[in-house]
Protein backbone atom coordinates (compact mmCIF):
# COMPACT_ATOMS: atom_id res chain seq x y z
CA MET A 1 -19.23 -89.84 42.43
CA GLY A 2 -16.45 -91.41 40.41
CA PHE A 3 -14.09 -90.12 37.76
CA PHE A 4 -12.90 -90.94 34.29
CA ARG A 5 -9.22 -90.51 33.53
CA ALA A 6 -8.27 -89.25 30.10
CA GLY A 7 -5.27 -87.18 29.09
CA LYS A 8 -4.11 -84.25 31.19
CA GLY A 9 -6.41 -84.00 34.18
CA LEU A 10 -9.51 -85.94 35.16
CA VAL A 11 -13.20 -85.79 34.33
CA PRO A 12 -15.19 -86.26 37.55
CA ALA A 13 -18.27 -88.34 36.78
CA ILE A 14 -21.08 -86.57 38.58
CA ALA A 15 -24.70 -87.30 37.73
CA ALA A 16 -26.06 -84.45 35.59
CA LEU A 17 -29.67 -83.34 36.04
CA PRO A 18 -31.96 -81.76 33.45
CA GLU A 19 -31.24 -78.05 33.68
CA ARG A 20 -33.70 -75.16 33.48
CA ARG A 21 -32.01 -72.03 32.15
CA GLU A 22 -33.32 -68.64 33.18
CA ASP A 23 -32.34 -65.32 31.64
CA THR A 24 -33.79 -63.36 34.54
CA CYS A 25 -31.79 -62.01 37.45
CA VAL A 26 -32.82 -63.28 40.88
CA THR A 27 -32.38 -60.95 43.84
CA THR A 28 -33.07 -62.81 47.07
CA GLU A 29 -35.15 -61.29 49.85
CA GLU A 30 -32.26 -61.73 52.26
CA ALA A 31 -28.56 -61.45 51.52
CA ALA A 32 -25.30 -61.27 53.41
CA VAL A 33 -22.01 -59.43 53.20
CA LEU A 34 -19.37 -62.09 53.88
CA PRO A 35 -15.58 -61.90 54.16
CA PRO A 36 -13.76 -63.47 51.20
CA ALA A 37 -11.99 -66.75 51.89
CA GLY A 38 -8.51 -66.28 53.29
CA PRO A 39 -6.96 -64.68 56.36
CA ILE A 40 -9.37 -63.38 58.99
CA LEU A 41 -10.55 -59.83 58.34
CA HIS A 42 -10.66 -57.25 61.11
CA VAL A 43 -13.14 -54.59 60.10
CA THR A 44 -14.80 -51.42 61.33
CA PRO A 45 -18.56 -51.32 60.67
CA LEU A 46 -19.86 -48.20 58.91
CA VAL A 47 -23.55 -48.99 59.51
CA ALA A 48 -25.69 -50.15 62.42
CA GLU A 49 -28.58 -52.58 62.65
CA GLY A 50 -31.72 -50.94 61.28
CA ASP A 51 -29.88 -48.66 58.82
CA ARG A 52 -30.94 -48.61 55.19
CA VAL A 53 -28.23 -49.06 52.57
CA ALA A 54 -28.08 -48.84 48.80
CA GLN A 55 -26.61 -51.49 46.54
CA GLY A 56 -22.87 -50.86 46.45
CA GLU A 57 -22.84 -48.78 49.66
CA ALA A 58 -19.97 -49.51 52.04
CA VAL A 59 -21.03 -51.34 55.20
CA ALA A 60 -17.52 -51.78 56.63
CA HIS A 61 -13.88 -51.07 55.93
CA LEU A 62 -10.76 -52.96 56.88
CA ARG A 63 -9.48 -51.88 60.26
CA HIS A 64 -5.88 -51.46 59.09
CA ALA A 65 -6.70 -50.37 55.52
CA PRO A 66 -9.68 -47.99 55.66
CA GLY A 67 -9.67 -47.47 51.91
CA ILE A 68 -10.75 -51.09 51.29
CA ARG A 69 -14.52 -51.29 51.66
CA LEU A 70 -16.99 -54.17 51.84
CA THR A 71 -20.22 -53.18 50.10
CA ALA A 72 -23.87 -54.26 50.12
CA PRO A 73 -24.85 -56.63 47.27
CA ILE A 74 -28.48 -55.47 47.42
CA ALA A 75 -30.37 -52.40 48.57
CA GLY A 76 -31.96 -53.10 51.93
CA THR A 77 -32.06 -52.77 55.68
CA VAL A 78 -29.27 -54.02 57.91
CA ALA A 79 -30.95 -56.77 59.93
CA ARG A 80 -28.01 -58.28 61.79
CA ILE A 81 -24.30 -57.67 62.27
CA VAL A 82 -22.29 -60.65 63.50
CA MET A 83 -18.76 -59.99 64.69
CA ARG A 84 -16.30 -61.99 66.76
CA PRO A 85 -13.85 -60.60 69.33
CA GLY A 86 -11.19 -58.42 67.72
CA ARG A 87 -13.67 -57.01 65.18
CA ARG A 88 -13.47 -60.19 63.14
CA LEU A 89 -16.21 -60.17 60.53
CA VAL A 90 -18.68 -63.05 60.31
CA GLU A 91 -21.57 -61.52 58.34
CA PHE A 92 -23.82 -58.53 57.76
CA VAL A 93 -27.35 -59.74 57.02
CA LEU A 94 -29.59 -57.50 54.88
CA PHE A 95 -33.33 -57.54 54.21
CA ARG A 96 -34.19 -56.42 50.69
CA ASP A 97 -35.74 -52.95 50.58
CA GLY A 98 -35.82 -50.67 47.56
CA ASP A 99 -33.51 -50.47 44.56
CA ALA A 100 -31.16 -47.57 45.33
CA VAL A 101 -27.70 -47.87 43.76
CA VAL A 102 -24.44 -46.11 44.62
CA ARG A 103 -22.54 -44.40 41.79
CA HIS A 104 -18.80 -43.89 42.01
CA GLU A 105 -16.45 -41.24 40.69
CA THR A 106 -14.46 -42.81 37.84
CA SER A 107 -12.75 -39.84 36.23
CA ASP A 108 -9.30 -40.64 37.65
CA GLN A 109 -8.15 -43.71 35.73
CA THR A 110 -4.48 -43.46 36.60
CA PRO A 111 -3.01 -46.53 38.36
CA ASP A 112 -3.47 -44.89 41.77
CA GLY A 113 -6.95 -43.71 40.86
CA LEU A 114 -8.01 -47.17 39.70
CA ARG A 115 -6.64 -48.72 42.86
CA ARG A 116 -8.68 -46.29 45.02
CA LEU A 117 -11.78 -46.85 42.88
CA PHE A 118 -11.68 -50.64 43.09
CA GLN A 119 -11.06 -50.53 46.83
CA ALA A 120 -13.88 -48.06 47.52
CA SER A 121 -16.45 -49.71 45.21
CA GLY A 122 -16.19 -53.22 46.65
CA ALA A 123 -14.33 -54.62 43.62
CA TRP A 124 -11.07 -55.21 45.50
CA PRO A 125 -12.26 -58.43 47.26
CA LEU A 126 -12.86 -59.91 43.80
CA LEU A 127 -9.08 -60.11 43.47
CA ARG A 128 -7.25 -62.98 45.18
CA ARG A 129 -3.55 -63.15 45.85
CA ARG A 130 -1.10 -66.01 45.91
CA PRO A 131 0.67 -67.09 48.02
CA PHE A 132 -1.60 -67.55 51.09
CA GLY A 133 -4.94 -66.44 49.59
CA GLY A 134 -7.21 -63.58 50.56
CA MET A 135 -7.48 -60.19 48.91
CA PRO A 136 -4.30 -58.23 48.12
CA ASP A 137 -2.92 -55.61 50.47
CA ALA A 138 -3.92 -52.03 49.68
CA GLU A 139 -0.57 -51.03 48.15
CA GLU A 140 0.55 -54.41 46.81
CA VAL A 141 1.85 -54.57 43.24
CA PRO A 142 1.58 -58.06 41.71
CA ALA A 143 4.17 -59.74 39.57
CA ALA A 144 1.33 -60.91 37.29
CA ILE A 145 -2.46 -61.00 37.15
CA LEU A 146 -4.29 -64.12 35.95
CA VAL A 147 -7.76 -63.69 34.44
CA MET A 148 -9.72 -66.95 34.58
CA ALA A 149 -12.06 -67.31 31.59
CA THR A 150 -12.21 -71.07 32.18
CA ASP A 151 -13.48 -73.23 35.04
CA THR A 152 -13.20 -77.02 34.82
CA ARG A 153 -14.91 -77.86 38.13
CA PRO A 154 -17.83 -80.26 37.58
CA GLY A 155 -21.03 -78.33 37.01
CA ALA A 156 -19.37 -74.92 36.72
CA PRO A 157 -21.00 -72.31 34.45
CA ASP A 158 -19.14 -71.46 31.27
CA PRO A 159 -17.17 -68.22 31.86
CA GLY A 160 -16.96 -67.62 28.11
CA ALA A 161 -20.74 -67.68 27.74
CA ALA A 162 -21.05 -65.19 30.62
CA LEU A 163 -18.96 -62.70 28.59
CA GLU A 164 -21.22 -62.73 25.53
CA GLY A 165 -22.46 -59.21 24.91
CA ARG A 166 -19.94 -57.82 27.41
CA GLU A 167 -16.85 -57.88 25.21
CA GLU A 168 -16.18 -54.14 25.51
CA ASP A 169 -16.54 -54.22 29.31
CA PHE A 170 -14.17 -57.17 29.51
CA ALA A 171 -11.53 -55.55 27.31
CA ARG A 172 -11.85 -52.33 29.34
CA GLY A 173 -11.43 -54.28 32.58
CA VAL A 174 -8.34 -56.07 31.29
CA GLY A 175 -6.86 -52.71 30.33
CA ALA A 176 -7.48 -51.41 33.85
CA LEU A 177 -5.77 -54.44 35.40
CA GLN A 178 -2.73 -53.86 33.20
CA LYS A 179 -2.28 -50.51 34.95
CA LEU A 180 -2.07 -52.23 38.35
CA THR A 181 0.97 -54.39 37.55
CA ASP A 182 4.36 -54.06 35.95
CA GLY A 183 4.09 -57.70 34.86
CA PRO A 184 1.80 -59.47 32.42
CA VAL A 185 -1.96 -59.89 32.52
CA ILE A 186 -2.65 -63.44 31.32
CA VAL A 187 -6.10 -64.62 30.23
CA PHE A 188 -6.73 -68.36 30.55
CA ALA A 189 -9.50 -69.80 28.39
CA GLN A 190 -10.47 -72.96 26.59
CA ALA A 191 -9.74 -72.93 22.87
CA ASP A 192 -12.37 -70.95 20.93
CA ALA A 193 -14.30 -70.27 24.17
CA LEU A 194 -13.87 -66.48 24.22
CA PRO A 195 -16.53 -64.46 22.38
CA THR A 196 -15.77 -63.77 18.75
CA GLY A 197 -14.69 -60.23 18.00
CA LEU A 198 -13.01 -59.81 21.36
CA SER A 199 -9.80 -57.81 21.01
CA LEU A 200 -7.34 -58.07 23.87
CA SER A 201 -3.85 -56.70 24.38
CA ALA A 202 -3.22 -59.33 27.08
CA GLN A 203 -1.63 -62.73 26.55
CA VAL A 204 -4.15 -65.56 26.08
CA VAL A 205 -3.27 -69.11 27.18
CA HIS A 206 -5.51 -71.96 26.09
CA ARG A 207 -6.44 -74.64 28.62
CA GLY A 208 -8.05 -78.07 28.28
CA ARG A 209 -11.47 -79.11 29.50
CA ARG A 210 -10.36 -81.69 32.07
CA HIS A 211 -10.19 -80.78 35.74
CA PRO A 212 -8.10 -79.20 37.27
CA GLN A 213 -6.70 -77.47 34.17
CA GLY A 214 -9.10 -74.55 34.73
CA LEU A 215 -8.10 -73.83 38.34
CA PRO A 216 -6.08 -70.64 39.01
CA GLY A 217 -3.51 -72.41 41.19
CA ILE A 218 -2.66 -75.01 38.57
CA CYS A 219 -2.44 -72.31 35.88
CA CYS A 220 -0.32 -70.15 38.18
CA HIS A 221 2.13 -72.96 38.98
CA GLU A 222 2.50 -73.95 35.33
CA VAL A 223 2.74 -70.51 33.71
CA PHE A 224 3.80 -67.91 36.32
CA PRO A 225 4.57 -69.39 39.78
CA ALA A 226 3.94 -67.19 42.80
CA GLY A 227 6.71 -66.43 45.26
CA LEU A 228 7.14 -64.81 48.65
CA GLY A 229 8.35 -61.61 47.04
CA ALA A 230 6.41 -62.04 43.81
CA PRO A 231 2.67 -62.24 44.52
CA VAL A 232 0.33 -63.25 41.73
CA TRP A 233 -3.32 -62.17 41.63
CA ASP A 234 -6.17 -64.06 40.03
CA ILE A 235 -9.70 -62.93 39.18
CA HIS A 236 -12.70 -64.41 37.37
CA SER A 237 -13.30 -63.06 33.86
CA GLU A 238 -16.90 -62.07 34.69
CA ASP A 239 -15.58 -59.91 37.53
CA VAL A 240 -13.15 -58.26 35.11
CA ALA A 241 -16.14 -57.38 32.90
CA ALA A 242 -17.83 -55.93 36.00
CA MET A 243 -14.78 -53.72 36.59
CA GLY A 244 -14.94 -52.57 32.99
CA ALA A 245 -18.65 -51.75 33.36
CA LEU A 246 -17.88 -49.79 36.52
CA LEU A 247 -15.49 -47.57 34.57
CA ASP A 248 -18.17 -46.95 31.94
CA THR A 249 -21.37 -46.60 34.02
CA ARG A 250 -19.99 -45.67 37.49
CA VAL A 251 -21.96 -48.63 38.93
CA LEU A 252 -20.33 -51.98 39.82
CA PRO A 253 -22.57 -54.80 38.51
CA VAL A 254 -23.09 -57.53 41.09
CA MET A 255 -25.10 -60.11 39.12
CA ARG A 256 -23.19 -63.21 38.03
CA GLN A 257 -23.96 -66.46 36.23
CA VAL A 258 -24.62 -69.24 38.76
CA ARG A 259 -25.43 -72.93 38.23
CA ILE A 260 -27.36 -74.95 40.79
CA GLY A 261 -26.86 -78.72 40.64
CA GLY A 262 -26.45 -81.84 42.72
CA THR A 263 -28.21 -85.12 43.34
CA GLY A 264 -30.39 -83.56 46.04
CA LEU A 265 -32.42 -81.69 43.39
CA ARG A 266 -35.31 -82.59 41.12
CA GLU A 267 -33.75 -80.50 38.34
CA GLY A 268 -30.77 -78.25 37.81
CA ARG A 269 -31.02 -74.53 37.35
CA SER A 270 -28.93 -71.81 35.71
CA LEU A 271 -29.58 -68.16 36.54
CA ARG A 272 -28.01 -64.84 37.41
CA THR A 273 -27.81 -63.73 41.02
CA HIS A 274 -25.58 -61.77 43.37
CA PRO A 275 -22.91 -62.69 45.94
CA GLY A 276 -24.34 -63.31 49.38
CA ALA A 277 -27.61 -64.64 47.91
CA ASP A 278 -29.82 -66.78 50.16
CA LEU A 279 -29.16 -70.37 49.08
CA ARG A 280 -32.44 -71.60 50.56
CA GLN A 281 -34.44 -69.24 48.35
CA LEU A 282 -32.44 -70.14 45.25
CA THR A 283 -33.13 -73.87 45.73
CA ARG A 284 -36.57 -73.78 47.36
CA ARG A 285 -38.70 -75.05 44.46
CA ILE A 286 -36.29 -77.57 43.00
CA VAL A 287 -35.04 -79.53 46.04
CA ALA A 288 -35.99 -83.21 46.08
CA PRO A 289 -37.98 -84.51 49.07
CA GLY A 290 -36.00 -85.50 52.13
CA PRO A 291 -33.11 -84.03 54.13
CA HIS A 292 -30.36 -82.39 52.15
CA THR A 293 -27.17 -80.33 52.46
CA ILE A 294 -26.56 -77.11 50.53
CA LEU A 295 -23.00 -76.23 49.51
CA SER A 296 -21.76 -72.91 48.22
CA GLY A 297 -19.39 -74.13 45.54
CA SER A 298 -18.87 -77.42 43.71
CA ALA A 299 -19.25 -80.96 44.98
CA LEU A 300 -15.44 -81.18 45.17
CA ASP A 301 -14.57 -78.03 47.11
CA GLY A 302 -17.85 -76.44 48.23
CA GLN A 303 -18.59 -75.47 51.81
CA VAL A 304 -21.85 -75.91 53.71
CA GLY A 305 -23.41 -72.49 54.06
CA HIS A 306 -26.49 -70.29 54.14
CA TRP A 307 -25.22 -67.69 51.66
CA LEU A 308 -23.47 -67.70 48.28
CA ALA A 309 -19.80 -67.06 49.05
CA PRO A 310 -18.17 -63.97 47.48
CA ARG A 311 -16.26 -65.82 44.74
CA ASP A 312 -18.56 -68.82 44.16
CA ARG A 313 -20.58 -69.39 41.01
CA GLN A 314 -21.99 -72.78 41.89
CA VAL A 315 -24.53 -74.13 44.36
CA THR A 316 -24.56 -77.87 45.06
CA VAL A 317 -27.37 -79.70 46.84
CA LEU A 318 -26.63 -83.21 48.10
CA PRO A 319 -28.81 -85.69 50.02
CA ALA A 320 -27.99 -85.53 53.72
CA GLN A 321 -26.22 -88.62 54.98
CA GLY A 322 -27.80 -90.42 57.90
CA PRO A 323 -25.94 -91.11 61.15
CA ALA A 324 -22.98 -93.38 60.67
CA ARG A 325 -23.21 -96.91 62.00
CA PRO A 326 -21.22 -97.24 65.26
CA ARG A 327 -17.86 -98.89 64.71
CA HIS A 328 -16.39 -101.60 66.90
CA TRP A 329 -14.15 -100.20 69.63
CA LEU A 330 -11.09 -102.00 68.23
CA ALA A 331 -11.65 -100.55 64.75
CA GLN A 332 -12.03 -97.10 66.30
CA ALA A 333 -8.77 -97.51 68.22
CA LEU A 334 -6.87 -98.62 65.13
CA GLY A 335 -8.37 -95.75 63.16
CA ARG A 336 -6.92 -93.24 65.60
CA SER A 337 -3.35 -94.20 64.78
CA PRO A 338 -1.23 -91.05 64.42
CA ARG A 339 0.54 -92.49 61.39
CA GLY A 340 -1.28 -91.42 58.23
CA LEU A 341 -1.52 -93.65 55.19
CA PRO A 342 1.09 -92.96 52.52
CA ALA A 343 0.10 -91.41 49.20
CA ILE A 344 0.65 -94.16 46.64
CA PRO A 345 1.87 -92.76 43.32
CA THR A 346 -0.69 -93.51 40.62
CA ALA A 347 -1.57 -92.03 37.26
CA GLY A 348 -4.83 -90.77 38.77
CA LEU A 349 -2.97 -88.94 41.54
CA GLU A 350 -0.61 -87.30 39.06
CA GLN A 351 -3.56 -86.19 36.91
CA ALA A 352 -5.31 -84.78 39.97
CA PHE A 353 -2.70 -82.01 39.66
CA ALA A 354 -2.93 -82.02 35.83
CA ALA A 355 0.59 -83.49 35.75
CA THR A 356 2.05 -80.06 36.56
CA LEU A 357 3.92 -81.08 39.73
CA PRO A 358 5.22 -84.36 41.23
CA ALA A 359 2.13 -85.34 43.22
CA ALA A 360 3.50 -88.02 45.55
CA PRO A 361 6.60 -86.05 46.72
CA PHE A 362 4.45 -82.96 47.14
CA LEU A 363 1.89 -84.77 49.30
CA ARG A 364 4.67 -86.36 51.36
CA ALA A 365 6.13 -82.91 52.01
CA LEU A 366 2.69 -81.63 53.05
CA GLY A 367 2.11 -84.54 55.41
CA ALA A 368 5.57 -84.23 56.96
CA GLY A 369 5.35 -80.44 57.32
CA ASP A 370 8.45 -80.04 55.15
CA ASP A 371 7.98 -76.40 54.19
CA GLU A 372 11.25 -76.06 52.27
CA THR A 373 10.58 -79.02 49.98
CA ALA A 374 6.95 -78.05 49.46
CA MET A 375 7.99 -74.52 48.46
CA LYS A 376 10.41 -75.92 45.90
CA LEU A 377 7.61 -78.09 44.50
CA GLY A 378 5.15 -75.21 44.15
CA VAL A 379 3.06 -74.91 47.31
CA LEU A 380 3.10 -71.09 47.18
CA SER A 381 0.96 -71.12 44.02
CA LEU A 382 -1.76 -73.34 45.50
CA LEU A 383 -4.83 -72.91 47.69
CA GLU A 384 -7.34 -75.39 49.12
CA GLU A 385 -9.43 -75.64 45.93
CA ASP A 386 -6.33 -76.72 43.99
CA VAL A 387 -5.87 -79.90 46.07
CA ALA A 388 -9.58 -80.79 46.33
CA LEU A 389 -9.41 -83.28 43.46
CA ALA A 390 -6.41 -85.03 45.03
CA ASP A 391 -8.38 -85.18 48.28
CA TYR A 392 -11.17 -86.90 46.39
CA VAL A 393 -8.90 -89.31 44.51
CA LEU A 394 -7.30 -90.40 47.79
CA SER A 395 -10.60 -90.31 49.75
CA GLU A 396 -8.97 -88.10 52.34
CA ASN A 397 -12.14 -86.08 53.13
CA GLY A 398 -10.39 -82.72 53.19
CA GLU A 399 -7.23 -83.79 55.01
CA ILE A 400 -4.90 -82.60 52.25
CA ALA A 401 -6.60 -79.19 52.11
CA THR A 402 -6.20 -78.89 55.89
CA GLN A 403 -2.51 -79.77 55.67
CA LEU A 404 -2.05 -77.21 52.90
CA ARG A 405 -3.72 -74.41 54.90
CA THR A 406 -1.65 -75.29 58.00
CA MET A 407 1.56 -75.10 55.99
CA LEU A 408 0.62 -71.84 54.25
CA ASP A 409 -0.27 -70.20 57.56
CA ARG A 410 3.01 -71.35 59.07
CA ILE A 411 5.04 -70.04 56.12
CA ARG A 412 3.12 -66.76 56.24
CA SER A 413 3.84 -66.26 59.95
CA GLU A 414 7.53 -67.03 59.47
CA PHE A 415 7.73 -64.74 56.43
CA ALA A 416 6.02 -61.90 58.28
CA ALA A 417 8.41 -62.31 61.19
């Protein structure tokens, strides 16, 4: 995988496969309820192994915020509940069984009523806060809400195309989000990418097609930076349309547009499926012969997994790498030096952040653990996905993302204290 540099941002050069598009919705025979990426969730289960649940039924609530529920993406039987000490959620595994659906009471559309509805219906985890990541607290009021109708990650499905035919739901969802904040709701989209005839009262900001211009963190830093006392939420535009449909039909739609790609496939695939879908089933008939690795997410920031993560809309299959050739003992010793290599300022490195922040000083502050400087440069608006391209440009294999998470966790603990 290489990249082409042109203008603001980069265009990662990843081999594209012939793609088979499917209009059908695929519900996998097994699915999982997973915690959204971010701080560890402590939950109280509401079901036991062997119980039958309907789609949208609550299977757990947050231990310290009982109103926030995690819900089943499919109707089925609870096959396995995996928890760690301290009621830390790992996964609820479901076997598909039936097609029952939970309907919610949507008559109260005041700000407090909408907040309770989204928390009870399972829509709340679709929101992500900055700084630090994870879903917002139950009573948090954001300084702004960013709606992402663009995604520049290589191989990502077009969010604008996913809104076609759902214009009314999307506009209704944007209106609901406006009741949850005293600040602006900002829609980010590529020029002319939103469906024609869409009427929005929210501000629309046009973004380019080069990565990472379509990432929420880069948009947040450039347009409305997050702060310790001024959290900013972001949400995918398709999830906003789902919220709007919930207000109209009393059912929260779970199906989303997902693209399956990667050099470990015979052909690409584009379909609609649900969060927590079984990645093995989704890729079973299109995987190329030989060992392979399945990522939930893109080739840049995806994570190896069995299930489609709550916010992901990509699946990437890569050939599995064989065992590395043993290195000479002297090379191994030199490689363990505690002094990391410096980040050399280059045009490519600057464009890995879409030229929105001084890349080299920012990476030096991350590496040195200089929280104060990093905060001045914009670290509170960023999450791991926002530095993935810089990781790739520098061939750091995730080191920058690890440094970012360490710093954010440290700032969070100091702020909470």
